[in-house]
Amino acid sequence: MTLTEDPQKLLELRQSYLTQVDQLYQQIQKWGTGKMEFAFTDNYPIDDKTGEYQAQVLTANPIKQSQAVSNGTVDFWPWGITFLTEEGILKSHGAFDEEELVYMQTDKLTYTERNGQVIPLDEGFEQDGWYWMFGKLGETKMRRLTEPVFWELMRKCTGYSTEELP
C-alpha cells in the first residue's frame, strides 16, 4: 500500500507538519520577545500530497529603534509537505529576500558513504528540526535554525543591519 492509499497516514503526516509549524512559530515568538511584534493570519490555503487544508501565516515586525528604520516585516508562509521526501516547507518573505526553511528528520534523510563512513547527504544536518536552506541550485547549504541563525535570516529578509536588529 502506498502512502496515498492510506488516508489516515496522510492526516497524520499533515497534523505532524502543522505541529512542526506551530512549534516554530512559538520559538520565533520566544526569540523575538520584546524585540518584535507578531500577528497571525488565519486560513492560508495549502494544497500538498495530503490534500487541501489551511494554516496560519506568522508576521514578524521588528520594533523600530528609530524613525529612520523602514518597514521590516517578515512573513512566514507554510508551504506544505514535499511530495518525495515528505519534508515540511515554510517560506520567509521580507522586502529584501525570500528564504526557505525545511523541517529535516533523521528517518527521512538520504545517506552516502564517504571514506568508509556513512553520512547524511545533506551537509549541515545535526538533528531533527527546522533548517534554513540557501545557496545556488546544486550548491544548496543548510543551517539548523538557532536563535543567531534566525536573526541572520531576519537581517537578510529585511535588509536591516546588525545595529538595526538584535
Protein backbone atom coordinates (compact mmCIF):
# COMPACT_ATOMS: atom_id res chain seq x y z
CA MET A 1 0.00 0.00 0.00
CA THR A 2 1.33 3.45 -0.91
CA LEU A 3 1.00 6.45 1.35
CA THR A 4 -1.64 8.00 -0.89
CA GLU A 5 -3.81 4.89 -0.46
CA ASP A 6 -3.93 5.35 3.32
CA PRO A 7 -5.97 8.46 4.23
CA GLN A 8 -5.17 8.05 7.94
CA LYS A 9 -1.40 8.23 7.26
CA LEU A 10 -1.95 11.36 5.17
CA LEU A 11 -3.89 13.00 8.01
CA GLU A 12 -1.16 12.04 10.49
CA LEU A 13 1.51 13.49 8.19
CA ARG A 14 -0.47 16.72 7.80
CA GLN A 15 -1.01 17.03 11.56
CA SER A 16 2.68 16.42 12.19
CA TYR A 17 3.56 19.23 9.75
CA LEU A 18 1.09 21.65 11.34
CA THR A 19 2.54 20.81 14.78
CA GLN A 20 6.08 21.48 13.48
CA VAL A 21 4.95 24.85 12.08
CA ASP A 22 3.23 25.76 15.36
CA GLN A 23 6.36 24.85 17.35
CA LEU A 24 8.48 27.00 15.01
CA TYR A 25 6.11 29.94 15.46
CA GLN A 26 6.32 29.56 19.25
CA GLN A 27 10.13 29.51 19.05
CA ILE A 28 10.23 32.61 16.82
CA GLN A 29 7.95 34.45 19.28
CA LYS A 30 10.23 33.45 22.16
CA TRP A 31 13.34 34.71 20.33
CA GLY A 32 11.55 37.94 19.41
CA THR A 33 10.03 38.75 22.79
CA GLY A 34 10.49 42.48 23.43
CA LYS A 35 12.17 42.91 20.04
CA MET A 36 9.34 42.19 17.62
CA GLU A 37 5.60 42.46 17.26
CA PHE A 38 3.72 39.43 15.94
CA ALA A 39 0.46 38.90 14.12
CA PHE A 40 -1.26 35.84 12.68
CA THR A 41 -3.33 35.50 9.54
CA ASP A 42 -5.67 32.52 9.56
CA ASN A 43 -6.95 30.35 6.73
CA TYR A 44 -3.88 30.39 4.46
CA PRO A 45 -4.62 27.68 1.85
CA ILE A 46 -2.21 24.77 1.37
CA ASP A 47 -2.54 22.03 -1.24
CA ASP A 48 0.05 19.27 -0.96
CA LYS A 49 0.21 15.47 -1.10
CA THR A 50 -2.04 15.22 1.96
CA GLY A 51 -4.81 17.24 0.33
CA GLU A 52 -6.19 20.74 0.80
CA TYR A 53 -6.13 22.39 4.23
CA GLN A 54 -5.42 25.71 5.92
CA ALA A 55 -2.74 27.03 8.23
CA GLN A 56 -1.68 30.28 9.85
CA VAL A 57 0.83 32.78 8.50
CA LEU A 58 3.07 34.44 11.09
CA THR A 59 4.06 38.06 10.52
CA ALA A 60 7.05 39.34 12.49
CA ASN A 61 7.77 43.05 12.62
CA PRO A 62 10.83 44.37 14.45
CA ILE A 63 10.07 47.08 16.99
CA LYS A 64 11.63 50.17 15.44
CA GLN A 65 14.66 51.61 17.17
CA SER A 66 14.44 54.87 15.22
CA GLN A 67 12.24 56.60 12.67
CA ALA A 68 14.97 56.08 10.03
CA VAL A 69 14.26 52.35 10.04
CA SER A 70 11.69 51.44 7.40
CA ASN A 71 9.19 48.57 7.41
CA GLY A 72 10.99 45.34 8.30
CA THR A 73 8.06 42.95 8.19
CA VAL A 74 8.81 39.29 7.50
CA ASP A 75 6.03 36.82 6.79
CA PHE A 76 6.43 33.10 7.48
CA TRP A 77 4.24 31.17 5.00
CA PRO A 78 3.59 27.46 5.48
CA TRP A 79 4.16 25.79 2.12
CA GLY A 80 3.17 22.22 2.87
CA ILE A 81 4.86 18.85 2.56
CA THR A 82 7.16 17.86 -0.30
CA PHE A 83 5.98 15.00 -2.47
CA LEU A 84 9.03 12.72 -2.43
CA THR A 85 10.81 13.33 0.86
CA GLU A 86 7.81 14.35 2.99
CA GLU A 87 9.73 17.31 4.42
CA GLY A 88 7.79 20.30 5.70
CA ILE A 89 8.50 23.56 3.88
CA LEU A 90 7.99 27.11 5.11
CA LYS A 91 8.96 30.31 3.26
CA SER A 92 10.09 33.53 4.91
CA HIS A 93 9.45 36.65 2.87
CA GLY A 94 10.63 40.18 3.55
CA ALA A 95 11.18 43.33 1.49
CA PHE A 96 14.70 42.27 0.50
CA ASP A 97 14.63 38.50 0.21
CA GLU A 98 12.66 35.28 0.32
CA GLU A 99 14.19 32.26 2.01
CA GLU A 100 13.17 28.65 2.56
CA LEU A 101 13.00 26.70 5.80
CA VAL A 102 12.77 22.91 5.72
CA TYR A 103 11.88 20.55 8.54
CA MET A 104 14.51 17.78 8.33
CA GLN A 105 14.19 14.43 10.10
CA THR A 106 16.75 11.70 10.63
CA ASP A 107 14.44 8.94 9.42
CA LYS A 108 13.88 10.72 6.08
CA LEU A 109 17.48 11.61 5.25
CA THR A 110 19.37 10.25 2.29
CA TYR A 111 22.81 8.91 3.16
CA THR A 112 26.03 8.47 1.25
CA GLU A 113 29.31 6.76 2.03
CA ARG A 114 32.50 8.82 2.14
CA ASN A 115 35.84 7.40 3.16
CA GLY A 116 34.12 4.34 4.62
CA GLN A 117 31.79 6.44 6.77
CA VAL A 118 28.02 6.68 6.22
CA ILE A 119 26.93 10.32 6.48
CA PRO A 120 23.81 12.31 5.59
CA LEU A 121 23.79 13.58 2.00
CA ASP A 122 22.52 16.90 3.34
CA GLU A 123 25.64 18.54 4.76
CA GLY A 124 24.94 20.53 7.89
CA PHE A 125 22.32 18.20 9.33
CA GLU A 126 22.63 17.98 13.12
CA GLN A 127 19.29 16.72 14.44
CA ASP A 128 15.57 16.77 13.68
CA GLY A 129 14.32 20.33 13.28
CA TRP A 130 13.96 23.37 11.04
CA TYR A 131 16.83 24.29 8.72
CA TRP A 132 17.49 27.37 6.62
CA MET A 133 18.20 26.23 3.05
CA PHE A 134 20.17 28.70 0.93
CA GLY A 135 22.65 28.96 -1.93
CA LYS A 136 22.58 28.39 -5.65
CA LEU A 137 20.91 25.43 -7.31
CA GLY A 138 23.23 22.44 -6.99
CA GLU A 139 25.18 24.18 -4.21
CA THR A 140 22.47 24.38 -1.57
CA LYS A 141 23.63 24.66 2.02
CA MET A 142 21.68 24.31 5.20
CA ARG A 143 21.96 25.62 8.74
CA ARG A 144 19.91 24.49 11.71
CA LEU A 145 17.61 27.31 12.81
CA THR A 146 19.01 28.52 16.12
CA GLU A 147 18.49 31.99 17.59
CA PRO A 148 21.63 33.52 15.98
CA VAL A 149 20.73 31.93 12.62
CA PHE A 150 17.16 33.25 12.96
CA TRP A 151 18.41 36.83 13.41
CA GLU A 152 20.73 36.40 10.43
CA LEU A 153 17.74 35.24 8.38
CA MET A 154 15.74 38.26 9.57
CA ARG A 155 18.56 40.64 8.56
CA LYS A 156 18.73 39.03 5.11
CA CYS A 157 14.94 39.29 4.57
CA THR A 158 14.59 42.83 5.92
CA GLY A 159 17.81 44.37 4.66
CA TYR A 160 18.47 45.66 8.17
CA SER A 161 21.97 45.90 9.58
CA THR A 162 23.14 44.23 12.77
CA GLU A 163 22.63 47.54 14.60
CA GLU A 164 19.02 47.79 13.44
CA LEU A 165 18.12 44.27 14.57
CA PRO A 166 19.16 42.39 17.69
